[in-house]
C-alpha atoms as a PDB file:
ATOM      1  CA  MET A   1       7.210  22.731 -23.578  1.00  0.00           C
ATOM      2  CA  ALA A   2       4.633  20.199 -24.713  1.00  0.00           C
ATOM      3  CA  PRO A   3       5.103  18.844 -28.255  1.00  0.00           C
ATOM      4  CA  SER A   4       2.972  20.468 -30.957  1.00  0.00           C
ATOM      5  CA  LYS A   5       1.857  17.172 -32.504  1.00  0.00           C
ATOM      6  CA  PRO A   6       1.775  14.658 -29.673  1.00  0.00           C
ATOM      7  CA  ALA A   7       1.134  10.987 -30.328  1.00  0.00           C
ATOM      8  CA  ARG A   8      -1.818   9.109 -28.894  1.00  0.00           C
ATOM      9  CA  ALA A   9      -1.151   6.466 -26.261  1.00  0.00           C
ATOM     10  CA  ALA A  10      -1.260   2.923 -27.510  1.00  0.00           C
ATOM     11  CA  ALA A  11      -4.710   1.401 -27.070  1.00  0.00           C
ATOM     12  CA  PRO A  12      -5.409  -2.219 -26.130  1.00  0.00           C
ATOM     13  CA  PRO A  13      -6.549  -4.479 -28.998  1.00  0.00           C
ATOM     14  CA  ALA A  14     -10.260  -4.528 -29.799  1.00  0.00           C
ATOM     15  CA  GLY A  15     -12.181  -6.481 -27.218  1.00  0.00           C
ATOM     16  CA  HIS A  16      -9.234  -6.532 -24.814  1.00  0.00           C
ATOM     17  CA  ALA A  17     -10.645  -3.771 -22.622  1.00  0.00           C
ATOM     18  CA  ARG A  18     -13.804  -5.801 -22.070  1.00  0.00           C
ATOM     19  CA  MET A  19     -11.671  -8.773 -20.944  1.00  0.00           C
ATOM     20  CA  ALA A  20      -9.474  -6.611 -18.725  1.00  0.00           C
ATOM     21  CA  GLU A  21     -12.173  -5.730 -16.227  1.00  0.00           C
ATOM     22  CA  ALA A  22     -12.748  -9.407 -15.444  1.00  0.00           C
ATOM     23  CA  LEU A  23      -9.009  -9.990 -15.137  1.00  0.00           C
ATOM     24  CA  LEU A  24      -8.349  -7.254 -12.594  1.00  0.00           C
ATOM     25  CA  PRO A  25      -7.447  -8.574  -9.137  1.00  0.00           C
ATOM     26  CA  PRO A  26     -10.653  -9.301  -7.199  1.00  0.00           C
ATOM     27  CA  LEU A  27     -11.621  -7.639  -3.963  1.00  0.00           C
ATOM     28  CA  PRO A  28     -10.264  -9.572  -0.977  1.00  0.00           C
ATOM     29  CA  ALA A  29     -12.746 -11.789   0.823  1.00  0.00           C
ATOM     30  CA  ARG A  30     -10.860 -11.509   4.139  1.00  0.00           C
ATOM     31  CA  LEU A  31      -8.681  -8.796   5.697  1.00  0.00           C
ATOM     32  CA  LEU A  32      -6.103  -9.189   8.461  1.00  0.00           C
ATOM     33  CA  LEU A  33      -5.400  -6.223  10.706  1.00  0.00           C
ATOM     34  CA  ALA A  34      -2.119  -6.486  12.639  1.00  0.00           C
ATOM     35  CA  THR A  35      -1.970  -4.056  15.575  1.00  0.00           C
ATOM     36  CA  ASP A  36       0.726  -3.308  18.134  1.00  0.00           C
ATOM     37  CA  LEU A  37      -2.007  -1.964  20.469  1.00  0.00           C
ATOM     38  CA  SER A  38      -0.642   1.585  20.371  1.00  0.00           C
ATOM     39  CA  MET A  39      -2.949   4.582  20.069  1.00  0.00           C
ATOM     40  CA  ARG A  40      -1.973   5.277  16.465  1.00  0.00           C
ATOM     41  CA  CYS A  41      -3.199   1.813  15.497  1.00  0.00           C
ATOM     42  CA  ASP A  42      -6.752   2.906  16.278  1.00  0.00           C
ATOM     43  CA  ARG A  43      -6.650   4.527  12.833  1.00  0.00           C
ATOM     44  CA  ALA A  44      -5.730   1.217  11.244  1.00  0.00           C
ATOM     45  CA  ILE A  45      -8.642  -0.455  13.019  1.00  0.00           C
ATOM     46  CA  ASP A  46     -11.044   2.187  11.691  1.00  0.00           C
ATOM     47  CA  ARG A  47      -9.700   1.806   8.134  1.00  0.00           C
ATOM     48  CA  ALA A  48      -9.825  -1.986   8.227  1.00  0.00           C
ATOM     49  CA  VAL A  49     -13.431  -1.885   9.455  1.00  0.00           C
ATOM     50  CA  GLN A  50     -14.378   0.602   6.724  1.00  0.00           C
ATOM     51  CA  LEU A  51     -12.779  -1.459   3.936  1.00  0.00           C
ATOM     52  CA  ALA A  52     -14.210  -4.743   5.199  1.00  0.00           C
ATOM     53  CA  GLY A  53     -17.664  -3.179   5.284  1.00  0.00           C
ATOM     54  CA  ASP A  54     -17.360  -1.670   1.795  1.00  0.00           C
ATOM     55  CA  TRP A  55     -16.063  -4.920   0.312  1.00  0.00           C
ATOM     56  CA  SER A  56     -18.346  -7.245   2.318  1.00  0.00           C
ATOM     57  CA  ALA A  57     -15.172  -8.954   3.536  1.00  0.00           C
ATOM     58  CA  GLU A  58     -14.510 -10.839   6.757  1.00  0.00           C
ATOM     59  CA  LEU A  59     -12.164  -9.210   9.261  1.00  0.00           C
ATOM     60  CA  ASP A  60      -9.519 -10.775  11.495  1.00  0.00           C
ATOM     61  CA  ILE A  61      -7.525  -8.725  14.016  1.00  0.00           C
ATOM     62  CA  MET A  62      -4.294  -9.919  15.583  1.00  0.00           C
ATOM     63  CA  THR A  63      -1.479  -8.772  17.800  1.00  0.00           C
ATOM     64  CA  VAL A  64       1.886 -10.392  18.455  1.00  0.00           C
ATOM     65  CA  VAL A  65       3.768 -10.822  21.714  1.00  0.00           C
ATOM     66  CA  GLU A  66       7.420 -11.011  20.795  1.00  0.00           C
ATOM     67  CA  THR A  67       9.817 -13.385  22.522  1.00  0.00           C
ATOM     68  CA  ALA A  68      11.663 -11.860  25.454  1.00  0.00           C
ATOM     69  CA  ASP A  69      15.063 -11.994  23.738  1.00  0.00           C
ATOM     70  CA  ARG A  70      13.948  -9.799  20.817  1.00  0.00           C
ATOM     71  CA  PRO A  71      15.384  -6.234  20.811  1.00  0.00           C
ATOM     72  CA  ASP A  72      12.870  -3.540  21.673  1.00  0.00           C
ATOM     73  CA  PRO A  73      12.806  -1.771  18.253  1.00  0.00           C
ATOM     74  CA  LEU A  74      11.329  -4.952  16.779  1.00  0.00           C
ATOM     75  CA  ALA A  75       8.939  -5.694  19.620  1.00  0.00           C
ATOM     76  CA  VAL A  76       5.214  -5.504  19.134  1.00  0.00           C
ATOM     77  CA  LEU A  77       4.591  -5.609  22.852  1.00  0.00           C
ATOM     78  CA  SER A  78       7.184  -4.796  25.497  1.00  0.00           C
ATOM     79  CA  TRP A  79       5.842  -6.268  28.723  1.00  0.00           C
ATOM     80  CA  PRO A  80       8.181  -6.394  31.740  1.00  0.00           C
ATOM     81  CA  PRO A  81      10.735  -9.239  31.401  1.00  0.00           C
ATOM     82  CA  ALA A  82       9.511 -10.807  34.638  1.00  0.00           C
ATOM     83  CA  ASP A  83       6.156 -11.651  33.059  1.00  0.00           C
ATOM     84  CA  ASP A  84       6.007 -15.172  31.732  1.00  0.00           C
ATOM     85  CA  LYS A  85       4.660 -16.103  28.323  1.00  0.00           C
ATOM     86  CA  ALA A  86       1.181 -17.053  29.532  1.00  0.00           C
ATOM     87  CA  THR A  87       0.780 -13.780  31.440  1.00  0.00           C
ATOM     88  CA  ARG A  88       1.918 -11.661  28.509  1.00  0.00           C
ATOM     89  CA  LEU A  89      -0.427 -13.465  26.131  1.00  0.00           C
ATOM     90  CA  HIS A  90      -3.308 -12.990  28.554  1.00  0.00           C
ATOM     91  CA  GLN A  91      -2.576  -9.281  28.946  1.00  0.00           C
ATOM     92  CA  ALA A  92      -2.329  -8.826  25.188  1.00  0.00           C
ATOM     93  CA  ARG A  93      -5.633 -10.592  24.561  1.00  0.00           C
ATOM     94  CA  ARG A  94      -7.412  -8.500  27.211  1.00  0.00           C
ATOM     95  CA  GLN A  95      -6.155  -5.253  25.706  1.00  0.00           C
ATOM     96  CA  LEU A  96      -7.026  -6.413  22.175  1.00  0.00           C
ATOM     97  CA  GLN A  97     -10.569  -7.174  23.370  1.00  0.00           C
ATOM     98  CA  ARG A  98     -10.833  -3.712  24.938  1.00  0.00           C
ATOM     99  CA  ASP A  99      -9.511  -1.973  21.816  1.00  0.00           C
ATOM    100  CA  THR A 100     -11.955  -3.750  19.507  1.00  0.00           C
ATOM    101  CA  ARG A 101     -15.044  -3.502  21.707  1.00  0.00           C
ATOM    102  CA  GLY A 102     -17.979  -1.880  19.938  1.00  0.00           C
ATOM    103  CA  LEU A 103     -16.883  -2.471  16.326  1.00  0.00           C
ATOM    104  CA  VAL A 104     -19.687  -2.043  13.818  1.00  0.00           C
ATOM    105  CA  LEU A 105     -18.965  -5.443  12.268  1.00  0.00           C
ATOM    106  CA  PRO A 106     -17.824  -8.772  13.727  1.00  0.00           C
ATOM    107  CA  ALA A 107     -14.116  -9.585  13.840  1.00  0.00           C
ATOM    108  CA  ARG A 108     -12.151 -12.630  14.970  1.00  0.00           C
ATOM    109  CA  LEU A 109      -9.306 -11.893  17.378  1.00  0.00           C
ATOM    110  CA  HIS A 110      -5.925 -13.633  17.408  1.00  0.00           C
ATOM    111  CA  VAL A 111      -2.881 -13.349  19.667  1.00  0.00           C
ATOM    112  CA  ALA A 112       0.400 -14.885  18.493  1.00  0.00           C
ATOM    113  CA  TYR A 113       3.793 -15.327  20.126  1.00  0.00           C
ATOM    114  CA  GLY A 114       7.172 -15.014  18.422  1.00  0.00           C
ATOM    115  CA  PRO A 115       8.813 -12.812  15.758  1.00  0.00           C
ATOM    116  CA  ALA A 116       6.197 -10.384  14.450  1.00  0.00           C
ATOM    117  CA  ALA A 117       6.662 -10.688  10.692  1.00  0.00           C
ATOM    118  CA  ALA A 118       6.696 -14.487  10.768  1.00  0.00           C
ATOM    119  CA  ALA A 119       3.590 -14.619  12.979  1.00  0.00           C
ATOM    120  CA  ILE A 120       1.675 -12.181  10.782  1.00  0.00           C
ATOM    121  CA  GLY A 121       2.647 -14.023   7.613  1.00  0.00           C
ATOM    122  CA  ARG A 122       1.718 -17.399   9.068  1.00  0.00           C
ATOM    123  CA  THR A 123      -1.680 -16.144  10.240  1.00  0.00           C
ATOM    124  CA  ALA A 124      -2.400 -14.471   6.893  1.00  0.00           C
ATOM    125  CA  ALA A 125      -1.611 -17.709   5.063  1.00  0.00           C
ATOM    126  CA  GLU A 126      -3.680 -19.879   7.387  1.00  0.00           C
ATOM    127  CA  LEU A 127      -6.694 -17.574   7.094  1.00  0.00           C
ATOM    128  CA  ASP A 128      -6.227 -16.942   3.341  1.00  0.00           C
ATOM    129  CA  CYS A 129      -6.330 -13.163   3.822  1.00  0.00           C
ATOM    130  CA  GLY A 130      -6.176 -10.989   0.723  1.00  0.00           C
ATOM    131  CA  LEU A 131      -4.936  -7.790   2.393  1.00  0.00           C
ATOM    132  CA  ILE A 132      -2.813  -7.027   5.460  1.00  0.00           C
ATOM    133  CA  VAL A 133      -3.562  -3.762   7.296  1.00  0.00           C
ATOM    134  CA  VAL A 134      -1.062  -2.322   9.759  1.00  0.00           C
ATOM    135  CA  GLY A 135      -0.828   0.976  11.619  1.00  0.00           C
ATOM    136  CA  ALA A 136       2.123   3.341  11.689  1.00  0.00           C
ATOM    137  CA  GLY A 137       2.425   3.119  15.472  1.00  0.00           C
ATOM    138  CA  ARG A 138       5.038   5.200  17.277  1.00  0.00           C
ATOM    139  CA  ASN A 139       4.421   4.293  20.901  1.00  0.00           C
ATOM    140  CA  GLU A 140       7.858   3.453  22.319  1.00  0.00           C
ATOM    141  CA  SER A 141       6.428   1.328  25.105  1.00  0.00           C
ATOM    142  CA  PHE A 142       4.934  -0.993  22.486  1.00  0.00           C
ATOM    143  CA  GLY A 143       7.854  -0.946  20.042  1.00  0.00           C
ATOM    144  CA  ARG A 144       8.272   0.561  16.578  1.00  0.00           C
ATOM    145  CA  PHE A 145       8.191  -2.493  14.335  1.00  0.00           C
ATOM    146  CA  LEU A 146       5.796  -0.999  11.809  1.00  0.00           C
ATOM    147  CA  LEU A 147       8.284   1.716  10.863  1.00  0.00           C
ATOM    148  CA  GLY A 148      11.349  -0.494  10.805  1.00  0.00           C
ATOM    149  CA  SER A 149      12.511  -3.964   9.956  1.00  0.00           C
ATOM    150  CA  THR A 150       9.179  -5.748  10.334  1.00  0.00           C
ATOM    151  CA  ILE A 151       7.425  -3.735   7.613  1.00  0.00           C
ATOM    152  CA  GLU A 152      10.367  -4.541   5.336  1.00  0.00           C
ATOM    153  CA  GLN A 153      10.047  -8.226   6.158  1.00  0.00           C
ATOM    154  CA  LEU A 154       6.311  -8.159   5.509  1.00  0.00           C
ATOM    155  CA  ALA A 155       6.706  -6.435   2.159  1.00  0.00           C
ATOM    156  CA  ARG A 156       9.516  -8.756   1.102  1.00  0.00           C
ATOM    157  CA  SER A 157       7.902 -12.018   2.137  1.00  0.00           C
ATOM    158  CA  LEU A 158       4.111 -11.718   1.952  1.00  0.00           C
ATOM    159  CA  PRO A 159       2.252 -12.230  -1.323  1.00  0.00           C
ATOM    160  CA  GLN A 160      -0.612 -10.049  -0.045  1.00  0.00           C
ATOM    161  CA  PRO A 161      -0.612  -6.254  -0.392  1.00  0.00           C
ATOM    162  CA  VAL A 162       0.257  -4.473   2.869  1.00  0.00           C
ATOM    163  CA  LEU A 163      -1.691  -1.322   3.726  1.00  0.00           C
ATOM    164  CA  VAL A 164       0.137   0.980   6.166  1.00  0.00           C
ATOM    165  CA  VAL A 165      -2.342   3.373   7.766  1.00  0.00           C
ATOM    166  CA  ARG A 166      -1.218   6.679   9.214  1.00  0.00           C
ATOM    167  CA  SER A 167      -4.137   9.055   8.544  1.00  0.00           C
ATOM    168  CA  ARG A 168      -7.422   9.417  10.377  1.00  0.00           C
ATOM    169  CA  VAL A 169     -10.395   7.904   8.576  1.00  0.00           C
ATOM    170  CA  HIS A 170     -12.789  10.558   7.263  1.00  0.00           C
ATOM    171  CA  GLY A 171     -14.478   8.366   4.689  1.00  0.00           C
ATOM    172  CA  ASP A 172     -13.526   6.241   1.699  1.00  0.00           C
ATOM    173  CA  TYR A 173     -10.306   6.774  -0.194  1.00  0.00           C
ATOM    174  CA  ARG A 174     -11.026   9.361  -2.891  1.00  0.00           C
ATOM    175  CA  ARG A 175      -7.681  10.181  -4.529  1.00  0.00           C
ATOM    176  CA  VAL A 176      -5.248   7.317  -5.076  1.00  0.00           C
ATOM    177  CA  LEU A 177      -1.763   7.739  -6.562  1.00  0.00           C
ATOM    178  CA  VAL A 178       0.260   4.877  -8.055  1.00  0.00           C
ATOM    179  CA  ALA A 179       4.010   5.549  -8.316  1.00  0.00           C
ATOM    180  CA  THR A 180       5.505   3.939 -11.409  1.00  0.00           C
ATOM    181  CA  ASP A 181       8.882   3.272 -12.994  1.00  0.00           C
ATOM    182  CA  PHE A 182       7.141   1.436 -15.880  1.00  0.00           C
ATOM    183  CA  SER A 183       8.362  -1.931 -14.575  1.00  0.00           C
ATOM    184  CA  PRO A 184       6.315  -5.153 -14.283  1.00  0.00           C
ATOM    185  CA  ALA A 185       6.115  -4.536 -10.519  1.00  0.00           C
ATOM    186  CA  ALA A 186       4.586  -1.098 -11.132  1.00  0.00           C
ATOM    187  CA  ARG A 187       2.163  -2.611 -13.637  1.00  0.00           C
ATOM    188  CA  HIS A 188       1.016  -5.135 -11.027  1.00  0.00           C
ATOM    189  CA  ALA A 189       0.638  -2.302  -8.481  1.00  0.00           C
ATOM    190  CA  LEU A 190      -1.518  -0.257 -10.877  1.00  0.00           C
ATOM    191  CA  ARG A 191      -3.751  -3.208 -11.690  1.00  0.00           C
ATOM    192  CA  THR A 192      -4.103  -4.003  -7.983  1.00  0.00           C
ATOM    193  CA  ALA A 193      -5.063  -0.395  -7.227  1.00  0.00           C
ATOM    194  CA  ALA A 194      -7.554  -0.441 -10.113  1.00  0.00           C
ATOM    195  CA  GLY A 195      -9.134  -3.611  -8.764  1.00  0.00           C
ATOM    196  CA  LEU A 196      -9.399  -2.332  -5.200  1.00  0.00           C
ATOM    197  CA  PHE A 197     -10.251   1.324  -5.852  1.00  0.00           C
ATOM    198  CA  ALA A 198     -11.837   1.475  -9.299  1.00  0.00           C
ATOM    199  CA  ASP A 199     -14.240   4.251  -8.264  1.00  0.00           C
ATOM    200  CA  CYS A 200     -11.485   6.551  -6.956  1.00  0.00           C
ATOM    201  CA  ASP A 201      -9.624   9.270  -8.828  1.00  0.00           C
ATOM    202  CA  LEU A 202      -6.518   7.361  -9.953  1.00  0.00           C
ATOM    203  CA  THR A 203      -3.230   9.121 -10.717  1.00  0.00           C
ATOM    204  CA  LEU A 204      -0.228   7.441 -12.328  1.00  0.00           C
ATOM    205  CA  TYR A 205       2.899   9.229 -11.094  1.00  0.00           C
ATOM    206  CA  HIS A 206       6.408   9.054 -12.551  1.00  0.00           C
ATOM    207  CA  ALA A 207       9.405  11.089 -11.354  1.00  0.00           C
ATOM    208  CA  TYR A 208      12.159  11.199 -13.987  1.00  0.00           C
ATOM    209  CA  THR A 209      15.392  12.958 -14.807  1.00  0.00           C
ATOM    210  CA  ALA A 210      14.763  14.743 -18.082  1.00  0.00           C
ATOM    211  CA  PRO A 211      15.098  18.230 -19.637  1.00  0.00           C
ATOM    212  CA  TYR A 212      11.428  19.159 -19.288  1.00  0.00           C
ATOM    213  CA  GLY A 213      12.065  20.923 -15.991  1.00  0.00           C
ATOM    214  CA  ARG A 214       8.431  21.216 -15.008  1.00  0.00           C
ATOM    215  CA  VAL A 215       5.427  19.177 -13.952  1.00  0.00           C
ATOM    216  CA  THR A 216       3.241  17.773 -16.703  1.00  0.00           C
ATOM    217  CA  ASP A 217      -0.204  16.886 -15.420  1.00  0.00           C
ATOM    218  CA  LEU A 218      -2.368  15.468 -18.200  1.00  0.00           C
ATOM    219  CA  PRO A 219      -5.289  13.075 -18.522  1.00  0.00           C
ATOM    220  CA  ILE A 220      -4.248   9.827 -20.154  1.00  0.00           C
ATOM    221  CA  GLY A 221      -6.655  10.394 -23.029  1.00  0.00           C
ATOM    222  CA  ARG A 222      -4.764  13.454 -24.376  1.00  0.00           C
ATOM    223  CA  ASP A 223      -2.330  13.041 -27.249  1.00  0.00           C
ATOM    224  CA  SER A 224       0.915  13.826 -25.429  1.00  0.00           C
ATOM    225  CA  MET A 225       2.287  10.746 -23.777  1.00  0.00           C
ATOM    226  CA  ARG A 226       4.440   9.090 -26.438  1.00  0.00           C
ATOM    227  CA  GLN A 227       6.480  12.217 -27.157  1.00  0.00           C
ATOM    228  CA  LEU A 228       6.908  13.088 -23.478  1.00  0.00           C
ATOM    229  CA  ILE A 229       8.499   9.635 -23.079  1.00  0.00           C
ATOM    230  CA  GLU A 230      10.468   9.486 -26.311  1.00  0.00           C
ATOM    231  CA  ASP A 231      10.678   5.723 -26.646  1.00  0.00           C
ATOM    232  CA  GLY A 232       6.949   5.258 -26.022  1.00  0.00           C
ATOM    233  CA  GLU A 233       7.620   3.466 -22.730  1.00  0.00           C
ATOM    234  CA  CYS A 234       4.704   5.010 -20.888  1.00  0.00           C
ATOM    235  CA  ALA A 235       2.248   4.215 -23.678  1.00  0.00           C
ATOM    236  CA  ALA A 236       3.513   0.639 -23.838  1.00  0.00           C
ATOM    237  CA  PHE A 237       3.244   0.357 -20.061  1.00  0.00           C
ATOM    238  CA  LEU A 238      -0.411   1.402 -20.099  1.00  0.00           C
ATOM    239  CA  ALA A 239      -1.233  -0.865 -23.011  1.00  0.00           C
ATOM    240  CA  GLY A 240       0.318  -3.740 -21.086  1.00  0.00           C
ATOM    241  CA  CYS A 241      -1.790  -2.936 -18.035  1.00  0.00           C
ATOM    242  CA  ALA A 242      -4.956  -3.653 -20.059  1.00  0.00           C
ATOM    243  CA  LEU A 243      -7.164  -1.503 -17.855  1.00  0.00           C
ATOM    244  CA  PRO A 244     -10.881  -1.244 -18.618  1.00  0.00           C
ATOM    245  CA  GLY A 245     -11.474   1.483 -21.195  1.00  0.00           C
ATOM    246  CA  GLU A 246     -13.558   3.707 -18.910  1.00  0.00           C
ATOM    247  CA  LEU A 247     -10.947   3.582 -16.162  1.00  0.00           C
ATOM    248  CA  GLN A 248      -8.033   4.255 -18.527  1.00  0.00           C
ATOM    249  CA  SER A 249      -9.819   7.239 -20.050  1.00  0.00           C
ATOM    250  CA  ARG A 250     -10.014   9.020 -16.673  1.00  0.00           C
ATOM    251  CA  LEU A 251      -6.640   7.913 -15.325  1.00  0.00           C
ATOM    252  CA  ARG A 252      -4.399  10.933 -14.826  1.00  0.00           C
ATOM    253  CA  LEU A 253      -0.732  10.884 -15.748  1.00  0.00           C
ATOM    254  CA  VAL A 254       1.739  13.025 -13.808  1.00  0.00           C
ATOM    255  CA  LEU A 255       5.366  13.307 -14.955  1.00  0.00           C
ATOM    256  CA  GLU A 256       7.785  15.266 -12.770  1.00  0.00           C
ATOM    257  CA  GLY A 257      11.357  16.091 -13.666  1.00  0.00           C
ATOM    258  CA  LYS A 258      12.588  15.687 -10.098  1.00  0.00           C
ATOM    259  CA  GLY A 259      13.809  12.904  -7.871  1.00  0.00           C
ATOM    260  CA  LEU A 260      11.120  10.626  -6.475  1.00  0.00           C
ATOM    261  CA  GLU A 261      11.916  11.133  -2.811  1.00  0.00           C
ATOM    262  CA  MET A 262      11.898  14.928  -3.088  1.00  0.00           C
ATOM    263  CA  ALA A 263       8.913  15.331  -5.385  1.00  0.00           C
ATOM    264  CA  LEU A 264       6.444  12.671  -4.314  1.00  0.00           C
ATOM    265  CA  GLY A 265       5.782  13.959  -0.796  1.00  0.00           C
ATOM    266  CA  ARG A 266       5.229  17.485  -2.074  1.00  0.00           C
ATOM    267  CA  TYR A 267       2.829  16.327  -4.771  1.00  0.00           C
ATOM    268  CA  VAL A 268       0.868  14.216  -2.279  1.00  0.00           C
ATOM    269  CA  ARG A 269       0.437  17.198   0.034  1.00  0.00           C
ATOM    270  CA  ASP A 270      -0.400  19.697  -2.710  1.00  0.00           C
ATOM    271  CA  HIS A 271      -3.064  17.468  -4.252  1.00  0.00           C
ATOM    272  CA  ASP A 272      -4.623  15.928  -1.107  1.00  0.00           C
ATOM    273  CA  ILE A 273      -3.747  12.362  -2.083  1.00  0.00           C
ATOM    274  CA  ASP A 274      -5.360   9.870   0.295  1.00  0.00           C
ATOM    275  CA  LEU A 275      -3.364   6.761  -0.632  1.00  0.00           C
ATOM    276  CA  VAL A 276      -0.032   6.089  -2.363  1.00  0.00           C
ATOM    277  CA  VAL A 277       0.449   2.684  -3.994  1.00  0.00           C
ATOM    278  CA  LEU A 278       4.006   1.365  -4.423  1.00  0.00           C
ATOM    279  CA  GLY A 279       5.090  -1.778  -6.218  1.00  0.00           C
ATOM    280  CA  THR A 280       8.130  -3.659  -4.962  1.00  0.00           C
ATOM    281  CA  GLN A 281      10.874  -5.222  -7.083  1.00  0.00           C
ATOM    282  CA  GLY A 282      10.872  -2.198  -9.376  1.00  0.00           C
ATOM    283  CA  ARG A 283      13.949  -1.379 -11.438  1.00  0.00           C
ATOM    284  CA  SER A 284      14.701   2.298 -10.821  1.00  0.00           C
ATOM    285  CA  GLY A 285      15.000   2.662  -7.106  1.00  0.00           C
ATOM    286  CA  LEU A 286      11.497   2.009  -5.771  1.00  0.00           C
ATOM    287  CA  MET A 287      12.546  -1.386  -4.426  1.00  0.00           C
ATOM    288  CA  ASN A 288      15.660  -0.040  -2.735  1.00  0.00           C
ATOM    289  CA  LEU A 289      13.951   3.115  -1.491  1.00  0.00           C
ATOM    290  CA  LEU A 290      11.048   1.235   0.034  1.00  0.00           C
ATOM    291  CA  LEU A 291      12.697  -1.909   1.313  1.00  0.00           C
ATOM    292  CA  GLY A 292      16.247  -0.756   1.981  1.00  0.00           C
ATOM    293  CA  SER A 293      17.714   1.499   4.633  1.00  0.00           C
ATOM    294  CA  SER A 294      15.222   4.297   3.844  1.00  0.00           C
ATOM    295  CA  ALA A 295      12.074   2.330   4.697  1.00  0.00           C
ATOM    296  CA  ALA A 296      11.362   4.134   7.979  1.00  0.00           C
ATOM    297  CA  ARG A 297      12.099   7.532   6.417  1.00  0.00           C
ATOM    298  CA  LEU A 298       9.805   6.814   3.444  1.00  0.00           C
ATOM    299  CA  LEU A 299       6.861   5.974   5.679  1.00  0.00           C
ATOM    300  CA  GLY A 300       7.735   8.950   7.845  1.00  0.00           C
ATOM    301  CA  TRP A 301       7.560  11.650   5.182  1.00  0.00           C
ATOM    302  CA  LEU A 302       4.617  10.384   3.149  1.00  0.00           C
ATOM    303  CA  PRO A 303       1.692  12.258   4.730  1.00  0.00           C
ATOM    304  CA  CYS A 304      -0.914   9.662   3.793  1.00  0.00           C
ATOM    305  CA  ASP A 305      -1.595   5.933   3.832  1.00  0.00           C
ATOM    306  CA  THR A 306       0.622   3.635   1.746  1.00  0.00           C
ATOM    307  CA  LEU A 307      -0.249   0.384  -0.013  1.00  0.00           C
ATOM    308  CA  VAL A 308       2.779  -1.837  -0.694  1.00  0.00           C
ATOM    309  CA  VAL A 309       2.113  -4.313  -3.515  1.00  0.00           C
ATOM    310  CA  ARG A 310       4.605  -7.114  -4.065  1.00  0.00           C
ATOM    311  CA  GLN A 311       5.006  -8.440  -7.573  1.00  0.00           C
ATOM    312  CA  PRO A 312       4.128 -12.140  -7.768  1.00  0.00           C
ATOM    313  CA  ARG A 313       7.053 -14.438  -8.381  1.00  0.00           C
ATOM    314  CA  ASP A 314       7.107 -16.412 -11.605  1.00  0.00           C
END
């Protein structure tokens, strides 16, 4: 039951909201799409093109030919072992050119050789890309690196956000959900989402173990937050995020008294969420759930795209 006299969420100091908008992470000037050339990665290409167009950003597209001694689950391309390096690189470039023919905006193509995560990270650094886009490919003949160890390596090692695309593109993202445990990593994820998708419907989602026993779905502006989180943690979290006043007033808070893994997928489906944003290095299981042994399962049961945002190191 909601408290009868709820407290108002803590507000940023006067003038701070005006500063916050300028301090939000800027839109990336360059995007890097990493594709394993499977059919499912066509969706990632479409999303990368759409975002680059909306943000007036440059677009680079790359694929990686793994070394022959790499095990197949980590391979981006699995050409016959008899093919030498030069032949495999040539074949990969030809297919990449075919897959990207007819794009509505120009893109530079790159083919790398070696371990996938290292090659993607090196290319992103050299090109100064602000966002990495990958597709949730499942084509066994091309490997499954985007649902296994490579996505973990990318999220652990890259400073850039990593967008994993699994849904068809039917337009811009409209409803974006940011999962939070009120940690600094979650704060960075929310601010990143606000910078990238300020015009979307933003939802801040927290799954907790508490006696409420029901879903509480309230706009941030209502006077309920401090008493729902008894120590004021949620209010302090939002104050620390220093979001622009207009954005904070329409941000929606969802608190669910269920485990994250069970509740999040159901909420995403029930509310037609287009994108889930997850911060890494969180303190209550998000880091382990996303980057531990459950990484492939997490990306498997979320029915929408996922943006993985790594907290900057001090």
